Amino acid sequence: MQRGVFVGLVTLDLIYRVEHLPGTNQKLVASDYGVFAGGPATNAAVAFSYLNHQAMVMGGVGVHPVTHLIRADLQQYGVTMVDLTPKRTEPPPVSSVLVTEATGERAVVSINAVKTQVMADQIPAKCLQDVAIVLIDGHQMAVGEAIAQQAKAQLIPVVIDGGSWKPGFDRVLPYADYVICSANFRPPDCESDQAVIEYLKSLSIAHIAITHGEHPIQYWSNGQTGSIAVPPVKAVDTLGAGDIFHGAFCHAILQQEFVEALVEASRIAARSCQFFGTRQWMEERVRSEK
């Protein structure tokens, strides 16, 4: 069992499963719903913890009454919450998610961490003690930069979750060992996957991967390029699949080489898509093993 620190967005996710997205002035009755802690780093931490590690998520939550729902969910899945805004009274970021039954595709409305940015001086001392890996999702950029710098100095591998380009990523990326980004990740003046890879290579990043949903993962690793097929599944819900991929990658890279870790993460993320919400895939496995 090893320790991982996950830095970034912590939200409360309200998820509804619907037959179709609502039209203007239309009301829908959902066929299922769920309430979970969410955010890229948060879901990755939950997956990492589930895969028999110790996970600590670092972000801003505060003391608003609804934050107990976030804390309770994380506690249930063994994730330690380090709240960098412990006196904040405003509500935490809340995401509303509609998952279409037929396709598993999701529509998300969220404020993210725009109004809950935290300065690096709020980072607790010795937070990287005995830590084996760090993941940064870019939603808390000042904190992410400071943690990445500390991790680099202590020879702790740094994984970047590049869901989309965010201002300030250019200051964090030089400390990264692994960058795994989506097809939506576009640094300035990068209009193609190859341009993204060349940009990241220019920062001396040794291992790069770009995910494309159900399509093959493209990677570059120490001069070697290739693609990895994603396991075909009937998707029930794609929400959080990328986050789970990153948490599973953090688990796998501690034991395997880069390409093998991508394969393992892809397998776990694909499995998660077969269940509604971001937690049921874990609960179903637990029940099946009893």
C-alpha atoms as a PDB file:
ATOM      1  CA  MET A   1       0.000   0.000   0.000  1.00  0.00           C
ATOM      2  CA  GLN A   2       1.432   3.342  -1.091  1.00  0.00           C
ATOM      3  CA  ARG A   3       0.384   6.957  -0.584  1.00  0.00           C
ATOM      4  CA  GLY A   4      -0.744   9.350  -3.265  1.00  0.00           C
ATOM      5  CA  VAL A   5      -1.585  13.064  -3.149  1.00  0.00           C
ATOM      6  CA  PHE A   6      -4.243  14.383  -5.536  1.00  0.00           C
ATOM      7  CA  VAL A   7      -4.388  18.148  -5.974  1.00  0.00           C
ATOM      8  CA  GLY A   8      -7.274  20.023  -7.550  1.00  0.00           C
ATOM      9  CA  LEU A   9     -11.019  20.264  -7.830  1.00  0.00           C
ATOM     10  CA  VAL A  10     -13.404  19.055  -5.126  1.00  0.00           C
ATOM     11  CA  THR A  11     -17.099  19.356  -5.954  1.00  0.00           C
ATOM     12  CA  LEU A  12     -20.465  17.999  -4.964  1.00  0.00           C
ATOM     13  CA  ASP A  13     -21.863  16.128  -7.963  1.00  0.00           C
ATOM     14  CA  LEU A  14     -25.622  15.728  -8.446  1.00  0.00           C
ATOM     15  CA  ILE A  15     -26.090  13.104 -11.156  1.00  0.00           C
ATOM     16  CA  TYR A  16     -29.341  12.254 -12.926  1.00  0.00           C
ATOM     17  CA  ARG A  17     -30.001   9.492 -15.472  1.00  0.00           C
ATOM     18  CA  VAL A  18     -32.480  10.680 -18.095  1.00  0.00           C
ATOM     19  CA  GLU A  19     -34.023   9.417 -21.310  1.00  0.00           C
ATOM     20  CA  HIS A  20     -32.993  12.586 -23.136  1.00  0.00           C
ATOM     21  CA  LEU A  21     -31.776  16.092 -22.372  1.00  0.00           C
ATOM     22  CA  PRO A  22     -34.558  18.561 -21.550  1.00  0.00           C
ATOM     23  CA  GLY A  23     -35.720  21.142 -24.011  1.00  0.00           C
ATOM     24  CA  THR A  24     -36.515  24.761 -23.254  1.00  0.00           C
ATOM     25  CA  ASN A  25     -38.941  25.103 -20.349  1.00  0.00           C
ATOM     26  CA  GLN A  26     -39.265  21.308 -20.055  1.00  0.00           C
ATOM     27  CA  LYS A  27     -39.236  19.251 -16.873  1.00  0.00           C
ATOM     28  CA  LEU A  28     -37.931  15.674 -16.767  1.00  0.00           C
ATOM     29  CA  VAL A  29     -38.255  12.841 -14.266  1.00  0.00           C
ATOM     30  CA  ALA A  30     -34.950  10.991 -13.896  1.00  0.00           C
ATOM     31  CA  SER A  31     -34.835   7.192 -13.806  1.00  0.00           C
ATOM     32  CA  ASP A  32     -31.944   7.210 -11.329  1.00  0.00           C
ATOM     33  CA  TYR A  33     -29.784   9.689  -9.428  1.00  0.00           C
ATOM     34  CA  GLY A  34     -26.739   9.915  -7.224  1.00  0.00           C
ATOM     35  CA  VAL A  35     -24.902  12.374  -4.972  1.00  0.00           C
ATOM     36  CA  PHE A  36     -21.116  12.072  -4.782  1.00  0.00           C
ATOM     37  CA  ALA A  37     -17.945  14.021  -4.189  1.00  0.00           C
ATOM     38  CA  GLY A  38     -16.559  14.896  -7.599  1.00  0.00           C
ATOM     39  CA  GLY A  39     -13.837  16.612  -9.575  1.00  0.00           C
ATOM     40  CA  PRO A  40     -10.958  15.112 -11.573  1.00  0.00           C
ATOM     41  CA  ALA A  41      -8.439  14.856  -8.734  1.00  0.00           C
ATOM     42  CA  THR A  42     -11.136  13.722  -6.304  1.00  0.00           C
ATOM     43  CA  ASN A  43     -12.459  10.864  -8.427  1.00  0.00           C
ATOM     44  CA  ALA A  44      -8.893   9.829  -9.220  1.00  0.00           C
ATOM     45  CA  ALA A  45      -8.144   9.707  -5.488  1.00  0.00           C
ATOM     46  CA  VAL A  46     -11.195   7.511  -4.864  1.00  0.00           C
ATOM     47  CA  ALA A  47     -10.108   5.066  -7.579  1.00  0.00           C
ATOM     48  CA  PHE A  48      -6.527   5.029  -6.235  1.00  0.00           C
ATOM     49  CA  SER A  49      -7.805   4.317  -2.727  1.00  0.00           C
ATOM     50  CA  TYR A  50     -10.069   1.545  -3.997  1.00  0.00           C
ATOM     51  CA  LEU A  51      -7.046  -0.091  -5.648  1.00  0.00           C
ATOM     52  CA  ASN A  52      -5.541  -0.658  -2.181  1.00  0.00           C
ATOM     53  CA  HIS A  53      -3.595   2.549  -1.623  1.00  0.00           C
ATOM     54  CA  GLN A  54      -3.798   5.541   0.701  1.00  0.00           C
ATOM     55  CA  ALA A  55      -5.170   8.607  -1.079  1.00  0.00           C
ATOM     56  CA  MET A  56      -5.191  12.221   0.058  1.00  0.00           C
ATOM     57  CA  VAL A  57      -7.084  14.847  -1.931  1.00  0.00           C
ATOM     58  CA  MET A  58      -6.021  18.464  -1.507  1.00  0.00           C
ATOM     59  CA  GLY A  59      -8.487  21.213  -2.388  1.00  0.00           C
ATOM     60  CA  GLY A  60     -10.904  23.812  -1.034  1.00  0.00           C
ATOM     61  CA  VAL A  61     -14.143  22.743   0.653  1.00  0.00           C
ATOM     62  CA  GLY A  62     -14.945  24.904   3.683  1.00  0.00           C
ATOM     63  CA  VAL A  63     -17.707  24.628   6.292  1.00  0.00           C
ATOM     64  CA  HIS A  64     -20.919  25.209   4.335  1.00  0.00           C
ATOM     65  CA  PRO A  65     -23.617  22.694   5.456  1.00  0.00           C
ATOM     66  CA  VAL A  66     -23.499  20.694   2.209  1.00  0.00           C
ATOM     67  CA  THR A  67     -19.787  19.966   2.584  1.00  0.00           C
ATOM     68  CA  HIS A  68     -20.624  17.131   4.970  1.00  0.00           C
ATOM     69  CA  LEU A  69     -21.911  15.218   1.932  1.00  0.00           C
ATOM     70  CA  ILE A  70     -18.493  15.544   0.292  1.00  0.00           C
ATOM     71  CA  ARG A  71     -16.659  14.520   3.427  1.00  0.00           C
ATOM     72  CA  ALA A  72     -18.946  11.556   4.099  1.00  0.00           C
ATOM     73  CA  ASP A  73     -18.510  10.205   0.575  1.00  0.00           C
ATOM     74  CA  LEU A  74     -14.724  10.511   0.705  1.00  0.00           C
ATOM     75  CA  GLN A  75     -14.608   8.915   4.142  1.00  0.00           C
ATOM     76  CA  GLN A  76     -16.684   5.985   2.887  1.00  0.00           C
ATOM     77  CA  TYR A  77     -14.079   5.298   0.205  1.00  0.00           C
ATOM     78  CA  GLY A  78     -11.063   5.776   2.436  1.00  0.00           C
ATOM     79  CA  VAL A  79      -9.863   9.110   1.048  1.00  0.00           C
ATOM     80  CA  THR A  80      -8.347  11.713   3.367  1.00  0.00           C
ATOM     81  CA  MET A  81      -9.501  15.293   2.707  1.00  0.00           C
ATOM     82  CA  VAL A  82      -7.002  18.127   3.211  1.00  0.00           C
ATOM     83  CA  ASP A  83      -9.129  21.262   3.174  1.00  0.00           C
ATOM     84  CA  LEU A  84      -7.122  24.305   2.140  1.00  0.00           C
ATOM     85  CA  THR A  85     -10.048  26.662   2.896  1.00  0.00           C
ATOM     86  CA  PRO A  86     -11.240  25.381   6.289  1.00  0.00           C
ATOM     87  CA  LYS A  87     -13.000  28.634   7.254  1.00  0.00           C
ATOM     88  CA  ARG A  88     -14.793  29.224   3.953  1.00  0.00           C
ATOM     89  CA  THR A  89     -18.557  29.619   4.519  1.00  0.00           C
ATOM     90  CA  GLU A  90     -19.685  29.827   0.887  1.00  0.00           C
ATOM     91  CA  PRO A  91     -20.955  26.626  -0.724  1.00  0.00           C
ATOM     92  CA  PRO A  92     -18.402  24.408  -2.463  1.00  0.00           C
ATOM     93  CA  PRO A  93     -18.533  24.028  -6.248  1.00  0.00           C
ATOM     94  CA  VAL A  94     -21.589  22.003  -7.249  1.00  0.00           C
ATOM     95  CA  SER A  95     -21.944  20.135 -10.544  1.00  0.00           C
ATOM     96  CA  SER A  96     -25.254  19.111 -12.106  1.00  0.00           C
ATOM     97  CA  VAL A  97     -24.877  16.153 -14.457  1.00  0.00           C
ATOM     98  CA  LEU A  98     -27.380  14.630 -16.888  1.00  0.00           C
ATOM     99  CA  VAL A  99     -26.507  11.165 -18.211  1.00  0.00           C
ATOM    100  CA  THR A 100     -28.402  10.011 -21.312  1.00  0.00           C
ATOM    101  CA  GLU A 101     -29.653   6.437 -20.875  1.00  0.00           C
ATOM    102  CA  ALA A 102     -29.175   5.223 -24.444  1.00  0.00           C
ATOM    103  CA  THR A 103     -25.580   6.362 -24.911  1.00  0.00           C
ATOM    104  CA  GLY A 104     -24.072   6.978 -21.471  1.00  0.00           C
ATOM    105  CA  GLU A 105     -23.012  10.438 -22.617  1.00  0.00           C
ATOM    106  CA  ARG A 106     -23.067  13.185 -20.003  1.00  0.00           C
ATOM    107  CA  ALA A 107     -23.877  16.881 -19.979  1.00  0.00           C
ATOM    108  CA  VAL A 108     -22.313  18.841 -17.129  1.00  0.00           C
ATOM    109  CA  VAL A 109     -22.956  22.271 -15.649  1.00  0.00           C
ATOM    110  CA  SER A 110     -20.365  23.318 -13.079  1.00  0.00           C
ATOM    111  CA  ILE A 111     -18.611  26.388 -11.763  1.00  0.00           C
ATOM    112  CA  ASN A 112     -15.440  24.341 -11.097  1.00  0.00           C
ATOM    113  CA  ALA A 113     -12.894  26.056  -8.839  1.00  0.00           C
ATOM    114  CA  VAL A 114     -13.195  29.525 -10.397  1.00  0.00           C
ATOM    115  CA  LYS A 115     -14.406  31.079  -7.135  1.00  0.00           C
ATOM    116  CA  THR A 116     -12.422  28.871  -4.759  1.00  0.00           C
ATOM    117  CA  GLN A 117      -8.801  29.443  -5.785  1.00  0.00           C
ATOM    118  CA  VAL A 118      -6.310  28.833  -2.986  1.00  0.00           C
ATOM    119  CA  MET A 119      -2.858  30.344  -2.494  1.00  0.00           C
ATOM    120  CA  ALA A 120       0.202  28.149  -2.038  1.00  0.00           C
ATOM    121  CA  ASP A 121       0.792  29.406   1.506  1.00  0.00           C
ATOM    122  CA  GLN A 122      -2.168  27.276   2.634  1.00  0.00           C
ATOM    123  CA  ILE A 123      -0.324  24.025   1.877  1.00  0.00           C
ATOM    124  CA  PRO A 124       0.370  22.101   5.102  1.00  0.00           C
ATOM    125  CA  ALA A 125       3.953  21.317   6.011  1.00  0.00           C
ATOM    126  CA  LYS A 126       5.353  17.859   5.252  1.00  0.00           C
ATOM    127  CA  CYS A 127       2.300  16.986   3.125  1.00  0.00           C
ATOM    128  CA  LEU A 128       4.512  14.928   0.800  1.00  0.00           C
ATOM    129  CA  GLN A 129       6.143  12.865   3.516  1.00  0.00           C
ATOM    130  CA  ASP A 130       6.153   9.155   2.525  1.00  0.00           C
ATOM    131  CA  VAL A 131       4.218   9.941  -0.667  1.00  0.00           C
ATOM    132  CA  ALA A 132       4.842   7.718  -3.707  1.00  0.00           C
ATOM    133  CA  ILE A 133       3.031   9.729  -6.397  1.00  0.00           C
ATOM    134  CA  VAL A 134       1.330  13.085  -6.991  1.00  0.00           C
ATOM    135  CA  LEU A 135      -1.481  13.942  -9.412  1.00  0.00           C
ATOM    136  CA  ILE A 136      -2.428  17.505 -10.359  1.00  0.00           C
ATOM    137  CA  ASP A 137      -5.559  18.368 -12.355  1.00  0.00           C
ATOM    138  CA  GLY A 138      -4.866  22.095 -12.847  1.00  0.00           C
ATOM    139  CA  HIS A 139      -7.967  23.407 -11.069  1.00  0.00           C
ATOM    140  CA  GLN A 140      -5.896  24.737  -8.141  1.00  0.00           C
ATOM    141  CA  MET A 141      -2.977  26.070 -10.153  1.00  0.00           C
ATOM    142  CA  ALA A 142      -1.026  27.914  -7.466  1.00  0.00           C
ATOM    143  CA  VAL A 143      -1.180  24.947  -5.122  1.00  0.00           C
ATOM    144  CA  GLY A 144      -0.489  22.550  -7.968  1.00  0.00           C
ATOM    145  CA  GLU A 145       2.621  24.441  -9.018  1.00  0.00           C
ATOM    146  CA  ALA A 146       4.005  24.481  -5.482  1.00  0.00           C
ATOM    147  CA  ILE A 147       3.265  20.799  -4.888  1.00  0.00           C
ATOM    148  CA  ALA A 148       4.758  19.814  -8.254  1.00  0.00           C
ATOM    149  CA  GLN A 149       7.916  21.748  -7.450  1.00  0.00           C
ATOM    150  CA  GLN A 150       8.220  20.100  -4.038  1.00  0.00           C
ATOM    151  CA  ALA A 151       7.565  16.662  -5.492  1.00  0.00           C
ATOM    152  CA  LYS A 152      10.188  17.137  -8.193  1.00  0.00           C
ATOM    153  CA  ALA A 153      12.748  18.131  -5.574  1.00  0.00           C
ATOM    154  CA  GLN A 154      11.929  14.992  -3.587  1.00  0.00           C
ATOM    155  CA  LEU A 155      12.010  12.705  -6.671  1.00  0.00           C
ATOM    156  CA  ILE A 156       8.291  11.923  -6.343  1.00  0.00           C
ATOM    157  CA  PRO A 157       6.662  11.190  -9.735  1.00  0.00           C
ATOM    158  CA  VAL A 158       4.224  13.882 -10.878  1.00  0.00           C
ATOM    159  CA  VAL A 159       1.229  12.998 -13.052  1.00  0.00           C
ATOM    160  CA  ILE A 160      -0.690  15.750 -14.847  1.00  0.00           C
ATOM    161  CA  ASP A 161      -4.370  15.262 -15.678  1.00  0.00           C
ATOM    162  CA  GLY A 162      -4.762  17.498 -18.712  1.00  0.00           C
ATOM    163  CA  GLY A 163      -8.507  17.539 -19.220  1.00  0.00           C
ATOM    164  CA  SER A 164      -8.336  20.962 -20.855  1.00  0.00           C
ATOM    165  CA  TRP A 165      -5.786  23.749 -21.085  1.00  0.00           C
ATOM    166  CA  LYS A 166      -5.879  26.136 -18.135  1.00  0.00           C
ATOM    167  CA  PRO A 167      -3.894  29.356 -17.631  1.00  0.00           C
ATOM    168  CA  GLY A 168      -0.827  28.576 -15.540  1.00  0.00           C
ATOM    169  CA  PHE A 169      -0.299  25.043 -16.804  1.00  0.00           C
ATOM    170  CA  ASP A 170       2.866  26.273 -18.488  1.00  0.00           C
ATOM    171  CA  ARG A 171       4.361  26.778 -14.997  1.00  0.00           C
ATOM    172  CA  VAL A 172       3.354  23.319 -13.733  1.00  0.00           C
ATOM    173  CA  LEU A 173       4.140  21.112 -16.725  1.00  0.00           C
ATOM    174  CA  PRO A 174       7.960  21.435 -16.513  1.00  0.00           C
ATOM    175  CA  TYR A 175       7.817  19.477 -13.242  1.00  0.00           C
ATOM    176  CA  ALA A 176       5.769  16.614 -14.725  1.00  0.00           C
ATOM    177  CA  ASP A 177       6.976  13.076 -15.304  1.00  0.00           C
ATOM    178  CA  TYR A 178       3.742  11.898 -16.928  1.00  0.00           C
ATOM    179  CA  VAL A 179       1.185  13.970 -18.800  1.00  0.00           C
ATOM    180  CA  ILE A 180      -2.072  12.245 -19.700  1.00  0.00           C
ATOM    181  CA  CYS A 181      -4.426  14.581 -21.486  1.00  0.00           C
ATOM    182  CA  SER A 182      -7.704  14.415 -23.327  1.00  0.00           C
ATOM    183  CA  ALA A 183      -8.284  15.375 -26.951  1.00  0.00           C
ATOM    184  CA  ASN A 184      -9.598  18.706 -25.585  1.00  0.00           C
ATOM    185  CA  PHE A 185      -6.199  19.639 -24.121  1.00  0.00           C
ATOM    186  CA  ARG A 186      -4.848  22.333 -26.424  1.00  0.00           C
ATOM    187  CA  PRO A 187      -1.930  24.517 -25.293  1.00  0.00           C
ATOM    188  CA  PRO A 188      -1.601  27.873 -27.090  1.00  0.00           C
ATOM    189  CA  ASP A 189      -1.028  27.481 -30.849  1.00  0.00           C
ATOM    190  CA  CYS A 190      -1.549  23.704 -30.711  1.00  0.00           C
ATOM    191  CA  GLU A 191      -4.272  22.617 -33.119  1.00  0.00           C
ATOM    192  CA  SER A 192      -3.511  18.890 -33.377  1.00  0.00           C
ATOM    193  CA  ASP A 193      -2.448  15.935 -31.240  1.00  0.00           C
ATOM    194  CA  GLN A 194       0.993  16.018 -32.810  1.00  0.00           C
ATOM    195  CA  ALA A 195       1.390  19.685 -31.965  1.00  0.00           C
ATOM    196  CA  VAL A 196       0.423  18.942 -28.357  1.00  0.00           C
ATOM    197  CA  ILE A 197       2.965  16.139 -28.170  1.00  0.00           C
ATOM    198  CA  GLU A 198       5.685  18.357 -29.644  1.00  0.00           C
ATOM    199  CA  TYR A 199       4.842  21.112 -27.150  1.00  0.00           C
ATOM    200  CA  LEU A 200       5.072  18.701 -24.217  1.00  0.00           C
ATOM    201  CA  LYS A 201       8.274  17.141 -25.565  1.00  0.00           C
ATOM    202  CA  SER A 202       9.805  20.631 -25.659  1.00  0.00           C
ATOM    203  CA  LEU A 203       9.314  20.755 -21.881  1.00  0.00           C
ATOM    204  CA  SER A 204      11.390  17.552 -21.501  1.00  0.00           C
ATOM    205  CA  ILE A 205       8.391  15.467 -20.439  1.00  0.00           C
ATOM    206  CA  ALA A 206       9.355  11.825 -20.912  1.00  0.00           C
ATOM    207  CA  HIS A 207       5.929  10.197 -21.028  1.00  0.00           C
ATOM    208  CA  ILE A 208       2.867  11.604 -22.814  1.00  0.00           C
ATOM    209  CA  ALA A 209      -0.531  10.125 -23.629  1.00  0.00           C
ATOM    210  CA  ILE A 210      -3.648  11.546 -25.274  1.00  0.00           C
ATOM    211  CA  THR A 211      -6.971   9.822 -24.693  1.00  0.00           C
ATOM    212  CA  HIS A 212      -9.875   9.929 -27.169  1.00  0.00           C
ATOM    213  CA  GLY A 213     -12.814   8.384 -25.330  1.00  0.00           C
ATOM    214  CA  GLU A 214     -13.590   4.989 -26.839  1.00  0.00           C
ATOM    215  CA  HIS A 215     -10.953   5.487 -29.556  1.00  0.00           C
ATOM    216  CA  PRO A 216      -7.276   4.435 -29.222  1.00  0.00           C
ATOM    217  CA  ILE A 217      -4.923   6.205 -26.839  1.00  0.00           C
ATOM    218  CA  GLN A 218      -1.952   7.851 -28.537  1.00  0.00           C
ATOM    219  CA  TYR A 219       1.320   7.888 -26.613  1.00  0.00           C
ATOM    220  CA  TRP A 220       4.933   9.048 -26.783  1.00  0.00           C
ATOM    221  CA  SER A 221       7.411   7.580 -24.333  1.00  0.00           C
ATOM    222  CA  ASN A 222      11.154   8.200 -24.400  1.00  0.00           C
ATOM    223  CA  GLY A 223      11.168   8.482 -28.173  1.00  0.00           C
ATOM    224  CA  GLN A 224       8.760   5.615 -28.811  1.00  0.00           C
ATOM    225  CA  THR A 225       5.296   6.268 -30.245  1.00  0.00           C
ATOM    226  CA  GLY A 226       2.243   4.048 -30.514  1.00  0.00           C
ATOM    227  CA  SER A 227      -1.434   3.587 -29.836  1.00  0.00           C
ATOM    228  CA  ILE A 228      -3.430   1.458 -27.418  1.00  0.00           C
ATOM    229  CA  ALA A 229      -6.903   0.148 -28.193  1.00  0.00           C
ATOM    230  CA  VAL A 230      -9.577   0.870 -25.593  1.00  0.00           C
ATOM    231  CA  PRO A 231     -11.628  -2.147 -24.458  1.00  0.00           C
ATOM    232  CA  PRO A 232     -15.056  -2.032 -26.176  1.00  0.00           C
ATOM    233  CA  VAL A 233     -17.951  -1.832 -23.713  1.00  0.00           C
ATOM    234  CA  LYS A 234     -21.623  -0.899 -23.698  1.00  0.00           C
ATOM    235  CA  ALA A 235     -21.434   2.461 -21.959  1.00  0.00           C
ATOM    236  CA  VAL A 236     -24.031   3.165 -19.283  1.00  0.00           C
ATOM    237  CA  ASP A 237     -22.343   6.315 -17.967  1.00  0.00           C
ATOM    238  CA  THR A 238     -19.108   7.959 -19.108  1.00  0.00           C
ATOM    239  CA  LEU A 239     -19.023  10.503 -16.276  1.00  0.00           C
ATOM    240  CA  GLY A 240     -15.725  10.333 -14.435  1.00  0.00           C
ATOM    241  CA  ALA A 241     -14.190   7.716 -16.746  1.00  0.00           C
ATOM    242  CA  GLY A 242     -11.187   9.941 -17.424  1.00  0.00           C
ATOM    243  CA  ASP A 243     -10.768  10.664 -13.711  1.00  0.00           C
ATOM    244  CA  ILE A 244     -10.901   6.961 -12.883  1.00  0.00           C
ATOM    245  CA  PHE A 245      -8.386   6.356 -15.676  1.00  0.00           C
ATOM    246  CA  HIS A 246      -5.972   8.760 -13.993  1.00  0.00           C
ATOM    247  CA  GLY A 247      -6.430   7.218 -10.554  1.00  0.00           C
ATOM    248  CA  ALA A 248      -5.918   3.738 -12.001  1.00  0.00           C
ATOM    249  CA  PHE A 249      -2.841   4.954 -13.874  1.00  0.00           C
ATOM    250  CA  CYS A 250      -1.333   6.292 -10.646  1.00  0.00           C
ATOM    251  CA  HIS A 251      -1.853   2.825  -9.166  1.00  0.00           C
ATOM    252  CA  ALA A 252      -0.455   0.961 -12.168  1.00  0.00           C
ATOM    253  CA  ILE A 253       2.600   3.145 -12.808  1.00  0.00           C
ATOM    254  CA  LEU A 254       3.905   2.309  -9.339  1.00  0.00           C
ATOM    255  CA  GLN A 255       4.209  -1.303 -10.486  1.00  0.00           C
ATOM    256  CA  GLN A 256       4.483  -1.307 -14.282  1.00  0.00           C
ATOM    257  CA  GLU A 257       6.097   0.455 -17.218  1.00  0.00           C
ATOM    258  CA  PHE A 258       4.304   3.358 -18.904  1.00  0.00           C
ATOM    259  CA  VAL A 259       2.552   1.504 -21.725  1.00  0.00           C
ATOM    260  CA  GLU A 260       1.474  -1.371 -19.471  1.00  0.00           C
ATOM    261  CA  ALA A 261       0.134   1.175 -16.966  1.00  0.00           C
ATOM    262  CA  LEU A 262      -1.915   2.836 -19.700  1.00  0.00           C
ATOM    263  CA  VAL A 263      -3.369  -0.533 -20.694  1.00  0.00           C
ATOM    264  CA  GLU A 264      -4.320  -1.336 -17.097  1.00  0.00           C
ATOM    265  CA  ALA A 265      -5.845   2.114 -16.544  1.00  0.00           C
ATOM    266  CA  SER A 266      -7.838   1.798 -19.765  1.00  0.00           C
ATOM    267  CA  ARG A 267      -9.241  -1.543 -18.665  1.00  0.00           C
ATOM    268  CA  ILE A 268     -10.384  -0.176 -15.312  1.00  0.00           C
ATOM    269  CA  ALA A 269     -11.855   3.008 -16.815  1.00  0.00           C
ATOM    270  CA  ALA A 270     -13.746   0.988 -19.426  1.00  0.00           C
ATOM    271  CA  ARG A 271     -15.243  -1.156 -16.683  1.00  0.00           C
ATOM    272  CA  SER A 272     -16.418   1.935 -14.805  1.00  0.00           C
ATOM    273  CA  CYS A 273     -18.397   3.070 -17.867  1.00  0.00           C
ATOM    274  CA  GLN A 274     -20.659   0.031 -17.529  1.00  0.00           C
ATOM    275  CA  PHE A 275     -22.227   1.363 -14.337  1.00  0.00           C
ATOM    276  CA  PHE A 276     -24.219   4.462 -13.441  1.00  0.00           C
ATOM    277  CA  GLY A 277     -22.407   7.132 -11.449  1.00  0.00           C
ATOM    278  CA  THR A 278     -18.785   7.235 -10.370  1.00  0.00           C
ATOM    279  CA  ARG A 279     -18.944   4.718  -7.525  1.00  0.00           C
ATOM    280  CA  GLN A 280     -21.191   1.810  -8.546  1.00  0.00           C
ATOM    281  CA  TRP A 281     -18.427   0.054 -10.501  1.00  0.00           C
ATOM    282  CA  MET A 282     -16.549  -0.420  -7.235  1.00  0.00           C
ATOM    283  CA  GLU A 283     -19.588  -1.530  -5.253  1.00  0.00           C
ATOM    284  CA  GLU A 284     -20.567  -4.110  -7.861  1.00  0.00           C
ATOM    285  CA  ARG A 285     -17.119  -5.671  -7.754  1.00  0.00           C
ATOM    286  CA  VAL A 286     -17.182  -5.841  -3.974  1.00  0.00           C
ATOM    287  CA  ARG A 287     -20.559  -7.619  -4.066  1.00  0.00           C
ATOM    288  CA  SER A 288     -19.411 -10.035  -6.770  1.00  0.00           C
ATOM    289  CA  GLU A 289     -16.350 -11.050  -4.753  1.00  0.00           C
ATOM    290  CA  LYS A 290     -18.352 -11.895  -1.620  1.00  0.00           C
END
